Amino acid sequence: KSELEKIAAKNPDMKAPLEYYKDLKSELEKRGTPFFAGDEVGALDASVYGAMCVWTAGGEKNMGFAEEALKKAGLESWYGKVKEKIPGVLEPMGSWPLYC
């Protein structure tokens, strides 16, 4: 079995990434605002973006399934706006042993 199949077998209620992204898009549309927090980025936007950017870091760090889900769900615009407001999320800062 592939790793994905093993994970799915252990988590039968887990949805595909695209389904979660579609849920986020639907909630954003219900709110009728550019961000989950309203007209400005808030804690929920930062949290969701932080989780998503781990998989859509760009370049060779990009995971295809996440980029595809982002596009298909229609979250690219939201993602780009949050990225502008919260730049450098994946940039190493400070002192931490894993940055070496």
N, C-alpha and C. Protein backbone atom coordinates (compact mmCIF):
# COMPACT_ATOMS: atom_id res chain seq x y z
N LYS A 1 0.84 -1.20 0.00
CA LYS A 1 0.00 0.00 0.00
C LYS A 1 0.87 1.25 0.00
N SER A 2 0.38 2.28 -0.68
CA SER A 2 1.10 3.55 -0.68
C SER A 2 0.90 4.24 0.67
N GLU A 3 1.72 5.23 0.95
CA GLU A 3 1.57 5.98 2.20
C GLU A 3 0.20 6.62 2.31
N LEU A 4 -0.29 7.15 1.19
CA LEU A 4 -1.61 7.77 1.18
C LEU A 4 -2.70 6.75 1.51
N GLU A 5 -2.58 5.56 0.96
CA GLU A 5 -3.55 4.50 1.25
C GLU A 5 -3.50 4.08 2.72
N LYS A 6 -2.29 4.02 3.27
CA LYS A 6 -2.14 3.67 4.69
C LYS A 6 -2.78 4.72 5.59
N ILE A 7 -2.55 5.97 5.26
CA ILE A 7 -3.13 7.07 6.04
C ILE A 7 -4.65 7.04 5.93
N ALA A 8 -5.16 6.84 4.71
CA ALA A 8 -6.61 6.79 4.50
C ALA A 8 -7.24 5.62 5.26
N ALA A 9 -6.56 4.48 5.30
CA ALA A 9 -7.08 3.32 6.01
C ALA A 9 -7.18 3.58 7.51
N LYS A 10 -6.21 4.30 8.05
CA LYS A 10 -6.21 4.61 9.48
C LYS A 10 -7.17 5.74 9.83
N ASN A 11 -7.57 6.52 8.83
CA ASN A 11 -8.42 7.69 9.04
C ASN A 11 -9.57 7.69 8.03
N PRO A 12 -10.52 6.77 8.18
CA PRO A 12 -11.56 6.62 7.17
C PRO A 12 -12.47 7.84 6.99
N ASP A 13 -12.54 8.71 7.98
CA ASP A 13 -13.39 9.90 7.87
C ASP A 13 -12.66 11.11 7.29
N MET A 14 -11.38 10.95 7.00
CA MET A 14 -10.59 12.06 6.47
C MET A 14 -10.98 12.33 5.02
N LYS A 15 -11.17 13.60 4.71
CA LYS A 15 -11.52 14.01 3.35
C LYS A 15 -10.24 14.27 2.55
N ALA A 16 -10.41 14.37 1.26
CA ALA A 16 -9.30 14.76 0.39
C ALA A 16 -9.01 16.25 0.61
N PRO A 17 -7.76 16.68 0.42
CA PRO A 17 -7.43 18.10 0.62
C PRO A 17 -8.35 19.06 -0.13
N LEU A 18 -8.73 18.71 -1.35
CA LEU A 18 -9.61 19.59 -2.12
C LEU A 18 -10.93 19.83 -1.39
N GLU A 19 -11.46 18.83 -0.74
CA GLU A 19 -12.72 19.00 -0.03
C GLU A 19 -12.58 19.98 1.13
N TYR A 20 -11.48 19.92 1.85
CA TYR A 20 -11.24 20.88 2.93
C TYR A 20 -11.09 22.30 2.38
N TYR A 21 -10.38 22.40 1.26
CA TYR A 21 -10.18 23.71 0.65
C TYR A 21 -11.51 24.28 0.14
N LYS A 22 -12.35 23.42 -0.42
CA LYS A 22 -13.68 23.87 -0.86
C LYS A 22 -14.52 24.35 0.31
N ASP A 23 -14.40 23.66 1.45
CA ASP A 23 -15.11 24.09 2.66
C ASP A 23 -14.66 25.48 3.08
N LEU A 24 -13.35 25.72 3.01
CA LEU A 24 -12.82 27.04 3.37
C LEU A 24 -13.35 28.11 2.42
N LYS A 25 -13.34 27.81 1.13
CA LYS A 25 -13.83 28.76 0.13
C LYS A 25 -15.30 29.07 0.38
N SER A 26 -16.09 28.06 0.67
CA SER A 26 -17.51 28.24 0.93
C SER A 26 -17.73 29.15 2.14
N GLU A 27 -16.98 28.92 3.19
CA GLU A 27 -17.10 29.75 4.40
C GLU A 27 -16.69 31.19 4.11
N LEU A 28 -15.66 31.36 3.34
CA LEU A 28 -15.22 32.71 2.98
C LEU A 28 -16.30 33.42 2.17
N GLU A 29 -16.92 32.72 1.25
CA GLU A 29 -18.00 33.31 0.44
C GLU A 29 -19.21 33.66 1.31
N LYS A 30 -19.53 32.83 2.28
CA LYS A 30 -20.65 33.12 3.19
C LYS A 30 -20.41 34.42 3.95
N ARG A 31 -19.17 34.65 4.32
CA ARG A 31 -18.84 35.86 5.08
C ARG A 31 -18.90 37.11 4.20
N GLY A 32 -18.64 36.95 2.92
CA GLY A 32 -18.70 38.07 1.99
C GLY A 32 -17.63 39.12 2.20
N THR A 33 -16.52 38.72 2.77
CA THR A 33 -15.41 39.64 3.02
C THR A 33 -14.13 39.06 2.42
N PRO A 34 -13.12 39.89 2.22
CA PRO A 34 -11.88 39.38 1.62
C PRO A 34 -11.14 38.37 2.49
N PHE A 35 -11.34 38.48 3.80
CA PHE A 35 -10.65 37.60 4.75
C PHE A 35 -11.66 37.00 5.72
N PHE A 36 -11.28 35.92 6.37
CA PHE A 36 -12.17 35.31 7.35
C PHE A 36 -12.49 36.28 8.48
N ALA A 37 -11.55 37.16 8.80
CA ALA A 37 -11.74 38.11 9.89
C ALA A 37 -12.47 39.38 9.45
N GLY A 38 -12.76 39.51 8.18
CA GLY A 38 -13.43 40.72 7.69
C GLY A 38 -12.61 41.39 6.62
N ASP A 39 -12.39 42.70 6.78
CA ASP A 39 -11.64 43.46 5.79
C ASP A 39 -10.13 43.37 5.96
N GLU A 40 -9.70 42.86 7.10
CA GLU A 40 -8.26 42.70 7.37
C GLU A 40 -7.98 41.27 7.80
N VAL A 41 -6.73 40.86 7.63
CA VAL A 41 -6.31 39.53 8.06
C VAL A 41 -6.43 39.41 9.57
N GLY A 42 -6.96 38.28 10.01
CA GLY A 42 -7.10 38.02 11.44
C GLY A 42 -6.46 36.69 11.81
N ALA A 43 -6.71 36.25 13.03
CA ALA A 43 -6.10 35.03 13.55
C ALA A 43 -6.47 33.80 12.73
N LEU A 44 -7.73 33.69 12.30
CA LEU A 44 -8.13 32.53 11.52
C LEU A 44 -7.43 32.52 10.17
N ASP A 45 -7.34 33.68 9.52
CA ASP A 45 -6.63 33.77 8.25
C ASP A 45 -5.18 33.34 8.42
N ALA A 46 -4.54 33.84 9.46
CA ALA A 46 -3.13 33.52 9.72
C ALA A 46 -2.95 32.03 9.99
N SER A 47 -3.86 31.46 10.74
CA SER A 47 -3.78 30.04 11.08
C SER A 47 -3.94 29.16 9.84
N VAL A 48 -4.98 29.43 9.06
CA VAL A 48 -5.24 28.63 7.87
C VAL A 48 -4.10 28.82 6.87
N TYR A 49 -3.69 30.05 6.66
CA TYR A 49 -2.59 30.32 5.72
C TYR A 49 -1.31 29.62 6.18
N GLY A 50 -1.03 29.69 7.47
CA GLY A 50 0.18 29.05 8.01
C GLY A 50 0.20 27.55 7.74
N ALA A 51 -0.95 26.92 7.90
CA ALA A 51 -1.03 25.48 7.62
C ALA A 51 -0.88 25.21 6.13
N MET A 52 -1.52 26.03 5.30
CA MET A 52 -1.48 25.81 3.86
C MET A 52 -0.10 26.08 3.26
N CYS A 53 0.57 27.09 3.77
CA CYS A 53 1.83 27.47 3.13
C CYS A 53 2.93 26.43 3.35
N VAL A 54 2.76 25.56 4.32
CA VAL A 54 3.72 24.47 4.51
C VAL A 54 3.73 23.58 3.27
N TRP A 55 2.55 23.40 2.65
CA TRP A 55 2.43 22.53 1.47
C TRP A 55 2.56 23.29 0.16
N THR A 56 2.40 24.59 0.19
CA THR A 56 2.46 25.39 -1.04
C THR A 56 3.54 26.45 -0.91
N ALA A 57 4.70 26.03 -0.45
CA ALA A 57 5.81 26.94 -0.18
C ALA A 57 6.40 27.53 -1.46
N GLY A 58 6.19 26.88 -2.57
CA GLY A 58 6.72 27.37 -3.84
C GLY A 58 7.95 26.60 -4.26
N GLY A 59 8.22 26.65 -5.54
CA GLY A 59 9.39 25.98 -6.10
C GLY A 59 9.39 24.49 -5.83
N GLU A 60 10.55 23.96 -5.55
CA GLU A 60 10.67 22.51 -5.33
C GLU A 60 10.05 22.07 -4.01
N LYS A 61 9.74 23.02 -3.13
CA LYS A 61 9.11 22.70 -1.85
C LYS A 61 7.60 22.54 -1.97
N ASN A 62 7.08 22.89 -3.14
CA ASN A 62 5.63 22.82 -3.38
C ASN A 62 5.17 21.37 -3.47
N MET A 63 4.05 21.08 -2.86
CA MET A 63 3.46 19.75 -2.98
C MET A 63 2.29 19.87 -3.96
N GLY A 64 2.39 19.13 -5.04
CA GLY A 64 1.43 19.25 -6.14
C GLY A 64 -0.02 19.15 -5.73
N PHE A 65 -0.33 18.22 -4.84
CA PHE A 65 -1.73 18.05 -4.44
C PHE A 65 -2.29 19.31 -3.80
N ALA A 66 -1.46 20.02 -3.03
CA ALA A 66 -1.92 21.22 -2.34
C ALA A 66 -2.11 22.38 -3.30
N GLU A 67 -1.17 22.53 -4.21
CA GLU A 67 -1.29 23.60 -5.21
C GLU A 67 -2.52 23.38 -6.09
N GLU A 68 -2.75 22.13 -6.48
CA GLU A 68 -3.91 21.81 -7.29
C GLU A 68 -5.21 22.08 -6.53
N ALA A 69 -5.26 21.70 -5.26
CA ALA A 69 -6.45 21.93 -4.43
C ALA A 69 -6.70 23.42 -4.26
N LEU A 70 -5.64 24.19 -4.07
CA LEU A 70 -5.76 25.64 -3.91
C LEU A 70 -6.40 26.26 -5.16
N LYS A 71 -5.93 25.83 -6.32
CA LYS A 71 -6.47 26.34 -7.58
C LYS A 71 -7.90 25.90 -7.81
N LYS A 72 -8.16 24.61 -7.67
CA LYS A 72 -9.49 24.07 -7.94
C LYS A 72 -10.55 24.60 -6.99
N ALA A 73 -10.16 24.89 -5.77
CA ALA A 73 -11.11 25.42 -4.78
C ALA A 73 -11.35 26.91 -4.96
N GLY A 74 -10.50 27.57 -5.74
CA GLY A 74 -10.66 29.01 -5.97
C GLY A 74 -10.14 29.86 -4.83
N LEU A 75 -9.13 29.35 -4.11
CA LEU A 75 -8.57 30.10 -2.98
C LEU A 75 -7.29 30.85 -3.32
N GLU A 76 -6.88 30.84 -4.56
CA GLU A 76 -5.62 31.49 -4.93
C GLU A 76 -5.61 32.99 -4.59
N SER A 77 -6.70 33.67 -4.86
CA SER A 77 -6.76 35.11 -4.59
C SER A 77 -6.63 35.38 -3.09
N TRP A 78 -7.41 34.65 -2.29
CA TRP A 78 -7.33 34.81 -0.83
C TRP A 78 -5.92 34.51 -0.35
N TYR A 79 -5.34 33.41 -0.81
CA TYR A 79 -4.01 32.98 -0.40
C TYR A 79 -2.98 34.07 -0.73
N GLY A 80 -3.06 34.62 -1.94
CA GLY A 80 -2.13 35.67 -2.35
C GLY A 80 -2.26 36.92 -1.51
N LYS A 81 -3.50 37.30 -1.17
CA LYS A 81 -3.72 38.50 -0.34
C LYS A 81 -3.18 38.30 1.07
N VAL A 82 -3.38 37.11 1.62
CA VAL A 82 -2.85 36.84 2.97
C VAL A 82 -1.33 36.81 2.92
N LYS A 83 -0.77 36.24 1.88
CA LYS A 83 0.68 36.18 1.72
C LYS A 83 1.29 37.58 1.70
N GLU A 84 0.60 38.52 1.06
CA GLU A 84 1.06 39.91 1.04
C GLU A 84 1.05 40.52 2.44
N LYS A 85 0.04 40.19 3.22
CA LYS A 85 -0.12 40.76 4.56
C LYS A 85 0.78 40.10 5.59
N ILE A 86 1.12 38.83 5.37
CA ILE A 86 1.95 38.08 6.32
C ILE A 86 3.13 37.48 5.55
N PRO A 87 4.07 38.30 5.12
CA PRO A 87 5.20 37.78 4.33
C PRO A 87 6.21 37.02 5.20
N GLY A 88 6.98 36.19 4.56
CA GLY A 88 8.11 35.55 5.23
C GLY A 88 7.76 34.48 6.24
N VAL A 89 6.61 33.85 6.12
CA VAL A 89 6.21 32.85 7.11
C VAL A 89 7.21 31.71 7.20
N LEU A 90 7.77 31.30 6.09
CA LEU A 90 8.69 30.18 6.09
C LEU A 90 10.16 30.59 6.12
N GLU A 91 10.42 31.87 6.33
CA GLU A 91 11.79 32.34 6.39
C GLU A 91 12.38 32.06 7.77
N PRO A 92 13.56 31.47 7.81
CA PRO A 92 14.19 31.22 9.12
C PRO A 92 14.51 32.54 9.82
N MET A 93 14.14 32.63 11.09
CA MET A 93 14.41 33.82 11.89
C MET A 93 14.85 33.40 13.29
N GLY A 94 15.67 34.19 13.88
CA GLY A 94 16.09 33.90 15.24
C GLY A 94 17.06 32.74 15.27
N SER A 95 17.12 32.09 16.40
CA SER A 95 18.04 31.00 16.60
C SER A 95 17.26 29.73 16.94
N TRP A 96 17.41 28.75 16.09
CA TRP A 96 16.75 27.47 16.31
C TRP A 96 17.64 26.42 15.68
N PRO A 97 17.93 25.32 16.37
CA PRO A 97 18.90 24.34 15.85
C PRO A 97 18.61 23.81 14.45
N LEU A 98 17.35 23.74 14.08
CA LEU A 98 17.03 23.20 12.76
C LEU A 98 17.33 24.17 11.62
N TYR A 99 17.63 25.43 11.93
CA TYR A 99 17.95 26.40 10.90
C TYR A 99 19.41 26.27 10.44
N CYS A 100 20.19 25.51 11.14
CA CYS A 100 21.62 25.39 10.82
C CYS A 100 21.86 24.57 9.57
